[in-house]
């Protein structure tokens, strides 16, 4: 029964990702100077979108591994993928709630596809991670704190490309025609780098928090 529930949750993640992408490409998606409500492939420059797509693709891999019955061989890798993807959408959820929401308005941040990518899908992914093991063997779910460092990798990769792109192309212009589309450098490069470091630490911190909650649920 538990296995069926986990499969259903992963199918839900895939469906949510698909609906979000459909809405993102639909004719109703309009550019806005106040929020990230663009239409089409331009949305893939945002970590908030990429993190959810990553979570959805990890769910696809999970179901494929179940179908192929490669649980034992893939348990540790799957757990790390679930950890990093859950932490990534956790960053999205937190950044929107704490930074982008106040900056651009919660009404815009939680509308249409943004509601799925900024709130619903992150909450489902994080809940699945803390409540259910990747597979039923148990060993791969005993996370060490060192493994939580993996959660910083997606943010480091994205942040590096983001800062390099700004360094090469500049940050002039207003949204959406600016390389600094998150507005992190509006207070200067030093502040932007500091925000980048804080977000990396946030990803690791979220992974540690999810690990702690998971352990409490497994061993109350």
N, C-alpha and C. Protein backbone atom coordinates (compact mmCIF):
# COMPACT_ATOMS: atom_id res chain seq x y z
N UNK A 1 0.83 -1.20 0.00
CA UNK A 1 0.00 0.00 0.00
C UNK A 1 0.87 1.26 0.00
N UNK A 2 1.94 1.22 0.83
CA UNK A 2 2.82 2.37 0.93
C UNK A 2 3.52 2.64 -0.39
N UNK A 3 3.94 1.54 -1.05
CA UNK A 3 4.61 1.66 -2.35
C UNK A 3 3.67 2.30 -3.36
N UNK A 4 2.41 1.91 -3.35
CA UNK A 4 1.43 2.47 -4.27
C UNK A 4 1.26 3.97 -4.03
N UNK A 5 1.26 4.36 -2.76
CA UNK A 5 1.09 5.78 -2.44
C UNK A 5 2.28 6.59 -2.96
N UNK A 6 3.50 6.04 -2.79
CA UNK A 6 4.70 6.73 -3.27
C UNK A 6 4.65 6.89 -4.79
N UNK A 7 4.22 5.83 -5.48
CA UNK A 7 4.10 5.90 -6.94
C UNK A 7 3.09 6.97 -7.33
N UNK A 8 1.95 6.99 -6.62
CA UNK A 8 0.92 7.99 -6.91
C UNK A 8 1.45 9.40 -6.71
N UNK A 9 2.21 9.61 -5.62
CA UNK A 9 2.77 10.94 -5.34
C UNK A 9 3.72 11.36 -6.46
N UNK A 10 4.54 10.43 -6.94
CA UNK A 10 5.47 10.76 -8.03
C UNK A 10 4.73 11.02 -9.33
N UNK A 11 3.65 10.29 -9.57
CA UNK A 11 2.82 10.58 -10.74
C UNK A 11 2.21 11.97 -10.62
N UNK A 12 1.79 12.34 -9.41
CA UNK A 12 1.24 13.68 -9.17
C UNK A 12 2.29 14.75 -9.48
N UNK A 13 3.55 14.50 -9.07
CA UNK A 13 4.63 15.45 -9.36
C UNK A 13 4.81 15.63 -10.86
N UNK A 14 4.75 14.53 -11.59
CA UNK A 14 4.89 14.59 -13.04
C UNK A 14 3.72 15.35 -13.67
N UNK A 15 2.52 15.08 -13.17
CA UNK A 15 1.33 15.77 -13.69
C UNK A 15 1.40 17.27 -13.39
N UNK A 16 1.81 17.61 -12.17
CA UNK A 16 1.94 19.03 -11.81
C UNK A 16 2.95 19.73 -12.69
N UNK A 17 4.09 19.08 -12.93
CA UNK A 17 5.11 19.65 -13.81
C UNK A 17 4.54 19.86 -15.21
N UNK A 18 3.80 18.87 -15.70
CA UNK A 18 3.24 18.95 -17.05
C UNK A 18 2.21 20.08 -17.16
N UNK A 19 1.36 20.19 -16.15
CA UNK A 19 0.35 21.27 -16.16
C UNK A 19 1.03 22.62 -16.09
N UNK A 20 2.04 22.74 -15.23
CA UNK A 20 2.77 24.00 -15.10
C UNK A 20 3.43 24.40 -16.41
N UNK A 21 4.06 23.44 -17.08
CA UNK A 21 4.71 23.74 -18.36
C UNK A 21 3.67 24.10 -19.43
N UNK A 22 2.54 23.39 -19.41
CA UNK A 22 1.48 23.71 -20.37
C UNK A 22 0.99 25.15 -20.18
N UNK A 23 0.75 25.53 -18.93
CA UNK A 23 0.29 26.88 -18.65
C UNK A 23 1.36 27.90 -19.02
N UNK A 24 2.61 27.51 -18.84
CA UNK A 24 3.73 28.41 -19.13
C UNK A 24 3.81 28.72 -20.62
N UNK A 25 3.42 27.74 -21.45
CA UNK A 25 3.48 27.93 -22.90
C UNK A 25 2.13 28.34 -23.49
N UNK A 26 1.11 28.43 -22.67
CA UNK A 26 -0.23 28.73 -23.19
C UNK A 26 -0.35 30.20 -23.56
N UNK A 27 -1.40 30.50 -24.29
CA UNK A 27 -1.62 31.88 -24.74
C UNK A 27 -1.97 32.80 -23.57
N UNK A 28 -2.29 32.21 -22.42
CA UNK A 28 -2.65 33.03 -21.26
C UNK A 28 -1.42 33.54 -20.53
N UNK A 29 -0.25 32.97 -20.84
CA UNK A 29 0.98 33.42 -20.19
C UNK A 29 1.40 34.75 -20.80
N UNK A 30 1.42 35.78 -19.99
CA UNK A 30 1.74 37.12 -20.46
C UNK A 30 2.96 37.66 -19.73
N UNK A 31 3.74 38.44 -20.43
CA UNK A 31 4.86 39.11 -19.78
C UNK A 31 4.33 40.17 -18.82
N UNK A 32 5.05 40.34 -17.75
CA UNK A 32 4.66 41.34 -16.77
C UNK A 32 5.91 42.00 -16.22
N UNK A 33 5.89 43.31 -16.05
CA UNK A 33 7.05 43.99 -15.47
C UNK A 33 7.18 43.73 -13.98
N UNK A 34 6.17 43.07 -13.40
CA UNK A 34 6.17 42.90 -11.96
C UNK A 34 6.52 41.49 -11.51
N UNK A 35 6.46 40.52 -12.42
CA UNK A 35 6.66 39.14 -11.98
C UNK A 35 7.12 38.28 -13.13
N UNK A 36 7.46 37.04 -12.82
CA UNK A 36 7.97 36.12 -13.81
C UNK A 36 6.81 35.36 -14.44
N UNK A 37 6.11 36.03 -15.32
CA UNK A 37 4.96 35.42 -15.99
C UNK A 37 5.17 35.56 -17.48
N UNK A 38 6.23 34.98 -17.98
CA UNK A 38 6.53 35.06 -19.39
C UNK A 38 5.96 33.85 -20.11
N UNK A 39 6.05 33.90 -21.42
CA UNK A 39 5.52 32.81 -22.22
C UNK A 39 6.65 32.10 -22.95
N UNK A 40 6.68 30.76 -22.85
CA UNK A 40 7.61 30.00 -23.65
C UNK A 40 8.92 29.67 -22.97
N UNK A 41 9.94 29.46 -23.81
CA UNK A 41 11.21 28.94 -23.34
C UNK A 41 12.00 29.92 -22.47
N UNK A 42 11.68 31.20 -22.52
CA UNK A 42 12.40 32.18 -21.70
C UNK A 42 12.27 31.86 -20.21
N UNK A 43 11.22 31.16 -19.85
CA UNK A 43 11.02 30.80 -18.45
C UNK A 43 12.10 29.86 -17.92
N UNK A 44 12.76 29.11 -18.83
CA UNK A 44 13.75 28.15 -18.39
C UNK A 44 15.05 28.79 -17.91
N UNK A 45 15.12 30.11 -17.95
CA UNK A 45 16.29 30.77 -17.36
C UNK A 45 16.12 30.94 -15.86
N UNK A 46 14.95 30.67 -15.35
CA UNK A 46 14.68 30.85 -13.92
C UNK A 46 14.94 29.57 -13.13
N UNK A 47 15.64 29.71 -12.02
CA UNK A 47 15.86 28.56 -11.14
C UNK A 47 14.54 28.05 -10.58
N UNK A 48 13.60 28.96 -10.36
CA UNK A 48 12.30 28.56 -9.82
C UNK A 48 11.59 27.58 -10.75
N UNK A 49 11.81 27.72 -12.05
CA UNK A 49 11.22 26.79 -13.02
C UNK A 49 12.07 25.53 -13.14
N UNK A 50 13.38 25.73 -13.29
CA UNK A 50 14.29 24.60 -13.48
C UNK A 50 14.26 23.63 -12.30
N UNK A 51 14.12 24.16 -11.08
CA UNK A 51 14.11 23.29 -9.91
C UNK A 51 12.89 22.38 -9.92
N UNK A 52 11.76 22.90 -10.37
CA UNK A 52 10.55 22.08 -10.45
C UNK A 52 10.63 21.06 -11.58
N UNK A 53 11.21 21.45 -12.70
CA UNK A 53 11.41 20.50 -13.79
C UNK A 53 12.35 19.39 -13.34
N UNK A 54 13.39 19.75 -12.61
CA UNK A 54 14.31 18.77 -12.06
C UNK A 54 13.57 17.80 -11.15
N UNK A 55 12.71 18.31 -10.29
CA UNK A 55 11.93 17.45 -9.40
C UNK A 55 11.01 16.52 -10.18
N UNK A 56 10.40 17.04 -11.24
CA UNK A 56 9.52 16.22 -12.06
C UNK A 56 10.28 15.13 -12.80
N UNK A 57 11.47 15.46 -13.31
CA UNK A 57 12.28 14.48 -14.02
C UNK A 57 12.80 13.40 -13.08
N UNK A 58 13.12 13.78 -11.84
CA UNK A 58 13.53 12.79 -10.84
C UNK A 58 12.39 11.83 -10.56
N UNK A 59 11.16 12.35 -10.53
CA UNK A 59 9.99 11.48 -10.34
C UNK A 59 9.85 10.51 -11.51
N UNK A 60 10.14 10.96 -12.72
CA UNK A 60 10.10 10.08 -13.90
C UNK A 60 11.13 8.97 -13.75
N UNK A 61 12.35 9.33 -13.35
CA UNK A 61 13.42 8.34 -13.16
C UNK A 61 13.02 7.32 -12.10
N UNK A 62 12.41 7.81 -11.02
CA UNK A 62 11.98 6.94 -9.93
C UNK A 62 11.00 5.87 -10.44
N UNK A 63 10.01 6.29 -11.19
CA UNK A 63 9.01 5.35 -11.70
C UNK A 63 9.64 4.37 -12.68
N UNK A 64 10.56 4.85 -13.51
CA UNK A 64 11.25 3.96 -14.45
C UNK A 64 12.03 2.89 -13.70
N UNK A 65 12.72 3.29 -12.64
CA UNK A 65 13.49 2.34 -11.85
C UNK A 65 12.58 1.31 -11.19
N UNK A 66 11.40 1.73 -10.77
CA UNK A 66 10.44 0.79 -10.19
C UNK A 66 9.98 -0.22 -11.24
N UNK A 67 9.70 0.29 -12.43
CA UNK A 67 9.25 -0.59 -13.51
C UNK A 67 10.34 -1.60 -13.86
N UNK A 68 11.59 -1.12 -13.88
CA UNK A 68 12.72 -1.99 -14.22
C UNK A 68 13.17 -2.85 -13.04
N UNK A 69 12.55 -2.61 -11.87
CA UNK A 69 12.88 -3.36 -10.65
C UNK A 69 14.37 -3.26 -10.31
N UNK A 70 14.91 -2.04 -10.36
CA UNK A 70 16.31 -1.83 -10.03
C UNK A 70 16.43 -1.03 -8.74
N UNK A 71 15.62 -1.40 -7.77
CA UNK A 71 15.56 -0.66 -6.51
C UNK A 71 16.86 -0.78 -5.72
N UNK A 72 17.33 -1.99 -5.54
CA UNK A 72 18.49 -2.22 -4.70
C UNK A 72 19.73 -1.53 -5.25
N UNK A 73 19.93 -1.64 -6.58
CA UNK A 73 21.12 -1.07 -7.18
C UNK A 73 21.08 0.45 -7.23
N UNK A 74 19.88 1.02 -7.27
CA UNK A 74 19.74 2.45 -7.50
C UNK A 74 19.27 3.21 -6.26
N UNK A 75 19.16 2.54 -5.13
CA UNK A 75 18.58 3.18 -3.95
C UNK A 75 19.32 4.41 -3.49
N UNK A 76 20.65 4.31 -3.35
CA UNK A 76 21.42 5.45 -2.85
C UNK A 76 21.37 6.61 -3.83
N UNK A 77 21.56 6.35 -5.12
CA UNK A 77 21.50 7.40 -6.13
C UNK A 77 20.13 8.06 -6.13
N UNK A 78 19.06 7.26 -6.05
CA UNK A 78 17.72 7.80 -6.06
C UNK A 78 17.48 8.68 -4.84
N UNK A 79 18.01 8.27 -3.71
CA UNK A 79 17.84 9.06 -2.49
C UNK A 79 18.54 10.40 -2.60
N UNK A 80 19.73 10.40 -3.20
CA UNK A 80 20.46 11.65 -3.39
C UNK A 80 19.71 12.56 -4.37
N UNK A 81 19.18 11.97 -5.43
CA UNK A 81 18.41 12.76 -6.39
C UNK A 81 17.17 13.35 -5.72
N UNK A 82 16.51 12.54 -4.90
CA UNK A 82 15.33 13.04 -4.19
C UNK A 82 15.71 14.14 -3.19
N UNK A 83 16.85 13.96 -2.54
CA UNK A 83 17.32 14.97 -1.58
C UNK A 83 17.60 16.29 -2.29
N UNK A 84 18.40 16.24 -3.37
CA UNK A 84 18.79 17.47 -4.06
C UNK A 84 17.60 18.15 -4.74
N UNK A 85 16.70 17.36 -5.31
CA UNK A 85 15.54 17.96 -5.98
C UNK A 85 14.57 18.56 -4.97
N UNK A 86 14.41 17.91 -3.82
CA UNK A 86 13.52 18.44 -2.78
C UNK A 86 14.10 19.72 -2.19
N UNK A 87 15.42 19.74 -1.99
CA UNK A 87 16.07 20.95 -1.48
C UNK A 87 15.98 22.08 -2.50
N UNK A 88 16.10 21.74 -3.80
CA UNK A 88 16.04 22.75 -4.86
C UNK A 88 14.67 23.44 -4.89
N UNK A 89 13.60 22.63 -4.86
CA UNK A 89 12.27 23.25 -4.84
C UNK A 89 12.00 23.91 -3.51
N UNK A 90 12.69 23.44 -2.46
CA UNK A 90 12.59 24.11 -1.16
C UNK A 90 13.18 25.51 -1.22
N UNK A 91 14.28 25.65 -1.97
CA UNK A 91 14.86 26.98 -2.19
C UNK A 91 13.89 27.87 -2.95
N UNK A 92 13.28 27.30 -3.99
CA UNK A 92 12.29 28.05 -4.76
C UNK A 92 11.16 28.53 -3.86
N UNK A 93 10.61 27.62 -3.08
CA UNK A 93 9.51 27.96 -2.17
C UNK A 93 9.91 29.07 -1.20
N UNK A 94 11.11 28.94 -0.62
CA UNK A 94 11.57 29.90 0.38
C UNK A 94 11.89 31.26 -0.23
N UNK A 95 12.59 31.26 -1.37
CA UNK A 95 12.97 32.52 -2.02
C UNK A 95 11.73 33.30 -2.46
N UNK A 96 10.74 32.59 -3.00
CA UNK A 96 9.50 33.26 -3.41
C UNK A 96 8.77 33.82 -2.19
N UNK A 97 8.70 33.02 -1.14
CA UNK A 97 7.98 33.43 0.06
C UNK A 97 8.64 34.61 0.76
N UNK A 98 9.98 34.58 0.84
CA UNK A 98 10.71 35.57 1.64
C UNK A 98 11.19 36.76 0.82
N UNK A 99 11.61 36.51 -0.44
CA UNK A 99 12.25 37.57 -1.21
C UNK A 99 11.40 38.05 -2.38
N UNK A 100 11.05 37.16 -3.29
CA UNK A 100 10.36 37.56 -4.51
C UNK A 100 8.92 37.99 -4.26
N UNK A 101 8.25 37.35 -3.31
CA UNK A 101 6.88 37.73 -2.99
C UNK A 101 6.77 39.17 -2.53
N UNK A 102 7.53 39.55 -1.50
CA UNK A 102 7.49 40.95 -1.07
C UNK A 102 7.97 41.92 -2.15
N UNK A 103 8.92 41.47 -3.00
CA UNK A 103 9.51 42.35 -4.01
C UNK A 103 8.56 42.59 -5.17
N UNK A 104 7.88 41.53 -5.64
CA UNK A 104 7.05 41.65 -6.83
C UNK A 104 5.55 41.50 -6.56
N UNK A 105 5.19 41.07 -5.36
CA UNK A 105 3.78 40.89 -5.03
C UNK A 105 3.37 39.43 -5.04
N UNK A 106 2.76 38.99 -3.94
CA UNK A 106 2.37 37.58 -3.83
C UNK A 106 1.28 37.20 -4.83
N UNK A 107 0.45 38.16 -5.21
CA UNK A 107 -0.59 37.87 -6.18
C UNK A 107 -0.03 37.37 -7.49
N UNK A 108 1.05 37.98 -7.93
CA UNK A 108 1.71 37.56 -9.17
C UNK A 108 2.52 36.28 -8.97
N UNK A 109 3.12 36.16 -7.82
CA UNK A 109 4.00 35.01 -7.57
C UNK A 109 3.23 33.70 -7.42
N UNK A 110 1.94 33.79 -7.08
CA UNK A 110 1.15 32.57 -6.87
C UNK A 110 -0.04 32.53 -7.82
N UNK A 111 0.20 32.90 -9.07
CA UNK A 111 -0.87 32.92 -10.05
C UNK A 111 -0.54 31.97 -11.20
N UNK A 112 -1.55 31.21 -11.65
CA UNK A 112 -1.43 30.30 -12.79
C UNK A 112 -0.28 29.31 -12.60
N UNK A 113 0.64 29.24 -13.56
CA UNK A 113 1.75 28.28 -13.47
C UNK A 113 2.62 28.56 -12.26
N UNK A 114 2.71 29.82 -11.87
CA UNK A 114 3.53 30.18 -10.71
C UNK A 114 3.00 29.54 -9.42
N UNK A 115 1.68 29.39 -9.32
CA UNK A 115 1.11 28.75 -8.14
C UNK A 115 1.60 27.32 -8.03
N UNK A 116 1.69 26.63 -9.17
CA UNK A 116 2.17 25.25 -9.18
C UNK A 116 3.65 25.19 -8.86
N UNK A 117 4.45 26.01 -9.56
CA UNK A 117 5.90 25.93 -9.43
C UNK A 117 6.45 26.58 -8.17
N UNK A 118 5.72 27.56 -7.64
CA UNK A 118 6.22 28.29 -6.47
C UNK A 118 5.69 27.76 -5.15
N UNK A 119 4.58 27.01 -5.19
CA UNK A 119 4.00 26.55 -3.93
C UNK A 119 3.62 25.07 -3.95
N UNK A 120 2.69 24.68 -4.84
CA UNK A 120 2.10 23.34 -4.76
C UNK A 120 3.14 22.25 -4.97
N UNK A 121 3.88 22.32 -6.06
CA UNK A 121 4.84 21.27 -6.37
C UNK A 121 5.98 21.19 -5.35
N UNK A 122 6.55 22.33 -4.91
CA UNK A 122 7.57 22.25 -3.85
C UNK A 122 7.07 21.59 -2.58
N UNK A 123 5.84 21.91 -2.16
CA UNK A 123 5.31 21.33 -0.93
C UNK A 123 5.09 19.83 -1.09
N UNK A 124 4.59 19.40 -2.26
CA UNK A 124 4.38 17.98 -2.50
C UNK A 124 5.71 17.24 -2.51
N UNK A 125 6.73 17.80 -3.19
CA UNK A 125 8.04 17.15 -3.29
C UNK A 125 8.71 17.03 -1.93
N UNK A 126 8.68 18.10 -1.14
CA UNK A 126 9.33 18.06 0.18
C UNK A 126 8.60 17.11 1.12
N UNK A 127 7.27 17.10 1.04
CA UNK A 127 6.49 16.19 1.88
C UNK A 127 6.79 14.74 1.53
N UNK A 128 6.87 14.45 0.23
CA UNK A 128 7.18 13.08 -0.19
C UNK A 128 8.53 12.64 0.34
N UNK A 129 9.51 13.54 0.28
CA UNK A 129 10.86 13.19 0.71
C UNK A 129 10.90 12.84 2.20
N UNK A 130 10.25 13.64 3.03
CA UNK A 130 10.36 13.43 4.47
C UNK A 130 9.46 12.28 4.95
N UNK A 131 8.39 12.00 4.22
CA UNK A 131 7.44 10.99 4.69
C UNK A 131 7.80 9.59 4.18
N UNK A 132 8.27 9.50 2.94
CA UNK A 132 8.49 8.19 2.33
C UNK A 132 9.96 7.96 2.02
N UNK A 133 10.45 6.71 2.18
CA UNK A 133 11.80 6.37 1.75
C UNK A 133 11.85 6.30 0.22
N UNK A 134 13.05 6.48 -0.34
CA UNK A 134 13.18 6.38 -1.80
C UNK A 134 12.77 4.99 -2.25
N UNK A 135 13.28 3.97 -1.56
CA UNK A 135 12.84 2.60 -1.77
C UNK A 135 12.72 1.95 -0.40
N UNK A 136 12.28 0.73 -0.35
CA UNK A 136 11.94 0.12 0.92
C UNK A 136 13.08 -0.58 1.64
N UNK A 137 14.31 -0.56 1.07
CA UNK A 137 15.40 -1.28 1.73
C UNK A 137 15.86 -0.60 3.01
N UNK A 138 15.67 0.71 3.08
CA UNK A 138 15.97 1.42 4.32
C UNK A 138 17.37 1.96 4.42
N UNK A 139 18.38 1.22 3.93
CA UNK A 139 19.77 1.63 4.09
C UNK A 139 20.05 2.97 3.42
N UNK A 140 19.49 3.17 2.21
CA UNK A 140 19.77 4.38 1.47
C UNK A 140 19.11 5.61 2.08
N UNK A 141 18.27 5.42 3.08
CA UNK A 141 17.57 6.55 3.69
C UNK A 141 18.28 7.08 4.94
N UNK A 142 19.38 6.42 5.31
CA UNK A 142 20.15 6.88 6.48
C UNK A 142 21.13 7.95 6.03
N UNK A 143 20.65 9.16 5.84
CA UNK A 143 21.48 10.24 5.32
C UNK A 143 22.47 10.72 6.36
N UNK A 144 23.70 10.94 5.92
CA UNK A 144 24.67 11.62 6.75
C UNK A 144 24.57 13.11 6.46
N UNK A 145 25.06 13.92 7.38
CA UNK A 145 25.05 15.36 7.15
C UNK A 145 25.90 15.73 5.94
N UNK A 146 26.94 14.94 5.69
CA UNK A 146 27.80 15.20 4.54
C UNK A 146 27.02 15.14 3.23
N UNK A 147 26.05 14.23 3.16
CA UNK A 147 25.26 14.10 1.94
C UNK A 147 24.40 15.34 1.68
N UNK A 148 24.10 16.08 2.74
CA UNK A 148 23.30 17.29 2.56
C UNK A 148 24.04 18.33 1.73
N UNK A 149 25.36 18.24 1.68
CA UNK A 149 26.14 19.18 0.88
C UNK A 149 25.82 19.04 -0.61
N UNK A 150 25.36 17.86 -1.02
CA UNK A 150 24.97 17.67 -2.42
C UNK A 150 23.88 18.65 -2.82
N UNK A 151 23.08 19.08 -1.86
CA UNK A 151 21.96 19.97 -2.16
C UNK A 151 22.43 21.32 -2.69
N UNK A 152 23.67 21.68 -2.37
CA UNK A 152 24.19 22.96 -2.84
C UNK A 152 24.63 22.94 -4.29
N UNK A 153 24.82 21.74 -4.86
CA UNK A 153 25.37 21.63 -6.22
C UNK A 153 24.47 22.28 -7.27
N UNK A 154 23.15 21.98 -7.31
CA UNK A 154 22.30 22.63 -8.33
C UNK A 154 22.32 24.16 -8.23
N UNK A 155 22.34 24.69 -7.00
CA UNK A 155 22.35 26.14 -6.82
C UNK A 155 23.68 26.73 -7.27
N UNK A 156 24.78 26.05 -6.93
CA UNK A 156 26.11 26.53 -7.35
C UNK A 156 26.21 26.57 -8.87
N UNK A 157 25.75 25.51 -9.52
CA UNK A 157 25.80 25.46 -10.98
C UNK A 157 24.97 26.58 -11.61
N UNK A 158 23.76 26.73 -11.11
CA UNK A 158 22.88 27.77 -11.66
C UNK A 158 23.43 29.16 -11.35
N UNK A 159 23.82 29.39 -10.11
CA UNK A 159 24.32 30.70 -9.71
C UNK A 159 25.57 31.09 -10.46
N UNK A 160 26.43 30.13 -10.73
CA UNK A 160 27.66 30.43 -11.47
C UNK A 160 27.34 30.89 -12.88
N UNK A 161 26.43 30.19 -13.55
CA UNK A 161 26.02 30.59 -14.91
C UNK A 161 25.34 31.95 -14.87
N UNK A 162 24.52 32.17 -13.87
CA UNK A 162 23.80 33.45 -13.72
C UNK A 162 24.78 34.61 -13.61
N UNK A 163 25.76 34.49 -12.71
CA UNK A 163 26.73 35.57 -12.48
C UNK A 163 27.66 35.74 -13.68
N UNK A 164 28.07 34.63 -14.30
CA UNK A 164 28.93 34.73 -15.48
C UNK A 164 28.20 35.42 -16.62
N UNK A 165 26.92 35.10 -16.79
CA UNK A 165 26.11 35.72 -17.84
C UNK A 165 26.01 37.23 -17.62
N UNK A 166 25.87 37.63 -16.38
CA UNK A 166 25.81 39.06 -16.07
C UNK A 166 27.17 39.71 -16.31
N UNK A 167 28.23 39.00 -15.91
CA UNK A 167 29.57 39.53 -16.11
C UNK A 167 29.90 39.75 -17.58
N UNK A 168 29.41 38.86 -18.44
CA UNK A 168 29.69 38.96 -19.87
C UNK A 168 28.76 39.94 -20.58
N UNK A 169 27.49 39.92 -20.17
CA UNK A 169 26.50 40.71 -20.89
C UNK A 169 26.01 41.94 -20.16
N UNK A 170 26.42 42.11 -18.89
CA UNK A 170 25.94 43.25 -18.12
C UNK A 170 24.54 43.02 -17.58
N UNK A 171 24.10 43.94 -16.76
CA UNK A 171 22.77 43.82 -16.14
C UNK A 171 21.89 45.02 -16.46
N UNK A 172 22.24 45.75 -17.53
CA UNK A 172 21.44 46.91 -17.90
C UNK A 172 20.07 46.49 -18.41
N UNK A 173 19.15 47.41 -18.38
CA UNK A 173 17.81 47.13 -18.87
C UNK A 173 16.86 46.81 -17.75
N UNK A 174 15.57 46.82 -18.08
CA UNK A 174 14.55 46.51 -17.10
C UNK A 174 13.95 45.15 -17.42
N UNK A 175 13.34 44.54 -16.42
CA UNK A 175 12.73 43.22 -16.60
C UNK A 175 11.68 43.28 -17.70
N UNK A 176 11.59 42.32 -18.63
CA UNK A 176 12.37 41.08 -18.65
C UNK A 176 13.65 41.16 -19.47
N UNK A 177 13.95 42.34 -20.02
CA UNK A 177 15.11 42.49 -20.89
C UNK A 177 16.36 42.89 -20.10
N UNK A 178 16.72 42.06 -19.16
CA UNK A 178 17.92 42.28 -18.38
C UNK A 178 18.50 40.93 -18.00
N UNK A 179 19.81 40.84 -17.90
CA UNK A 179 20.44 39.58 -17.49
C UNK A 179 20.26 39.34 -16.00
N UNK A 180 20.07 40.42 -15.24
CA UNK A 180 19.83 40.27 -13.80
C UNK A 180 18.33 40.25 -13.55
N UNK A 181 17.65 39.22 -14.08
CA UNK A 181 16.19 39.19 -14.03
C UNK A 181 15.64 38.94 -12.65
N UNK A 182 16.48 38.46 -11.72
CA UNK A 182 16.03 38.31 -10.34
C UNK A 182 16.23 39.60 -9.54
N UNK A 183 17.01 40.51 -10.07
CA UNK A 183 17.24 41.77 -9.37
C UNK A 183 18.20 41.65 -8.21
N UNK A 184 19.02 40.59 -8.18
CA UNK A 184 19.93 40.38 -7.06
C UNK A 184 21.06 41.41 -7.03
N UNK A 185 21.39 42.03 -8.18
CA UNK A 185 22.51 42.95 -8.22
C UNK A 185 22.07 44.41 -8.15
N UNK A 186 20.85 44.62 -7.84
CA UNK A 186 20.36 46.01 -7.76
C UNK A 186 21.05 46.77 -6.63
N UNK A 187 21.64 46.02 -5.69
CA UNK A 187 22.39 46.65 -4.59
C UNK A 187 23.90 46.53 -4.79
N UNK A 188 24.32 46.10 -5.98
CA UNK A 188 25.73 45.99 -6.28
C UNK A 188 26.20 44.54 -6.37
N UNK A 189 27.39 44.34 -6.96
CA UNK A 189 27.91 42.99 -7.16
C UNK A 189 28.21 42.28 -5.85
N UNK A 190 28.72 43.01 -4.87
CA UNK A 190 29.04 42.39 -3.59
C UNK A 190 27.79 41.83 -2.94
N UNK A 191 26.72 42.62 -2.98
CA UNK A 191 25.44 42.15 -2.42
C UNK A 191 24.92 40.95 -3.20
N UNK A 192 25.09 40.99 -4.54
CA UNK A 192 24.63 39.88 -5.37
C UNK A 192 25.36 38.58 -5.06
N UNK A 193 26.69 38.68 -4.88
CA UNK A 193 27.48 37.50 -4.54
C UNK A 193 27.09 36.99 -3.15
N UNK A 194 26.84 37.91 -2.23
CA UNK A 194 26.44 37.53 -0.88
C UNK A 194 25.10 36.80 -0.92
N UNK A 195 24.16 37.31 -1.72
CA UNK A 195 22.86 36.64 -1.85
C UNK A 195 23.05 35.24 -2.42
N UNK A 196 23.94 35.12 -3.39
CA UNK A 196 24.24 33.82 -4.00
C UNK A 196 24.75 32.84 -2.95
N UNK A 197 25.70 33.29 -2.13
CA UNK A 197 26.25 32.43 -1.07
C UNK A 197 25.16 32.04 -0.08
N UNK A 198 24.32 33.00 0.28
CA UNK A 198 23.24 32.73 1.23
C UNK A 198 22.28 31.68 0.67
N UNK A 199 21.98 31.76 -0.63
CA UNK A 199 21.06 30.81 -1.23
C UNK A 199 21.67 29.41 -1.28
N UNK A 200 22.98 29.33 -1.53
CA UNK A 200 23.66 28.03 -1.50
C UNK A 200 23.56 27.43 -0.10
N UNK A 201 23.84 28.25 0.91
CA UNK A 201 23.73 27.79 2.29
C UNK A 201 22.29 27.43 2.64
N UNK A 202 21.35 28.17 2.05
CA UNK A 202 19.94 27.88 2.27
C UNK A 202 19.58 26.50 1.74
N UNK A 203 20.11 26.16 0.56
CA UNK A 203 19.84 24.85 -0.03
C UNK A 203 20.35 23.74 0.88
N UNK A 204 21.58 23.90 1.38
CA UNK A 204 22.15 22.90 2.28
C UNK A 204 21.36 22.86 3.58
N UNK A 205 20.97 24.02 4.08
CA UNK A 205 20.19 24.09 5.31
C UNK A 205 18.83 23.42 5.16
N UNK A 206 18.18 23.63 4.04
CA UNK A 206 16.88 22.99 3.79
C UNK A 206 17.05 21.48 3.73
N UNK A 207 18.14 21.02 3.08
CA UNK A 207 18.40 19.58 3.02
C UNK A 207 18.61 19.01 4.42
N UNK A 208 19.34 19.74 5.25
CA UNK A 208 19.57 19.29 6.63
C UNK A 208 18.26 19.26 7.42
N UNK A 209 17.42 20.27 7.20
CA UNK A 209 16.13 20.32 7.88
C UNK A 209 15.24 19.15 7.44
N UNK A 210 15.18 18.89 6.14
CA UNK A 210 14.39 17.77 5.64
C UNK A 210 14.92 16.45 6.18
N UNK A 211 16.25 16.33 6.24
CA UNK A 211 16.87 15.12 6.80
C UNK A 211 16.47 14.94 8.25
N UNK A 212 16.50 16.03 9.02
CA UNK A 212 16.16 15.98 10.46
C UNK A 212 14.70 15.56 10.65
N UNK A 213 13.80 16.16 9.85
CA UNK A 213 12.39 15.80 9.95
C UNK A 213 12.18 14.34 9.57
N UNK A 214 12.86 13.90 8.53
CA UNK A 214 12.76 12.51 8.06
C UNK A 214 13.19 11.54 9.16
N UNK A 215 14.31 11.84 9.79
CA UNK A 215 14.82 10.97 10.85
C UNK A 215 13.85 10.93 12.03
N UNK A 216 13.24 12.07 12.35
CA UNK A 216 12.28 12.11 13.45
C UNK A 216 11.04 11.28 13.14
N UNK A 217 10.64 11.28 11.87
CA UNK A 217 9.47 10.49 11.50
C UNK A 217 9.77 9.01 11.47
N UNK A 218 11.01 8.66 11.06
CA UNK A 218 11.40 7.24 11.03
C UNK A 218 11.66 6.71 12.42
N UNK A 219 12.36 7.54 13.23
CA UNK A 219 12.69 7.14 14.62
C UNK A 219 12.20 8.19 15.60
N UNK A 220 10.91 8.25 15.86
CA UNK A 220 10.35 9.30 16.75
C UNK A 220 10.85 9.14 18.18
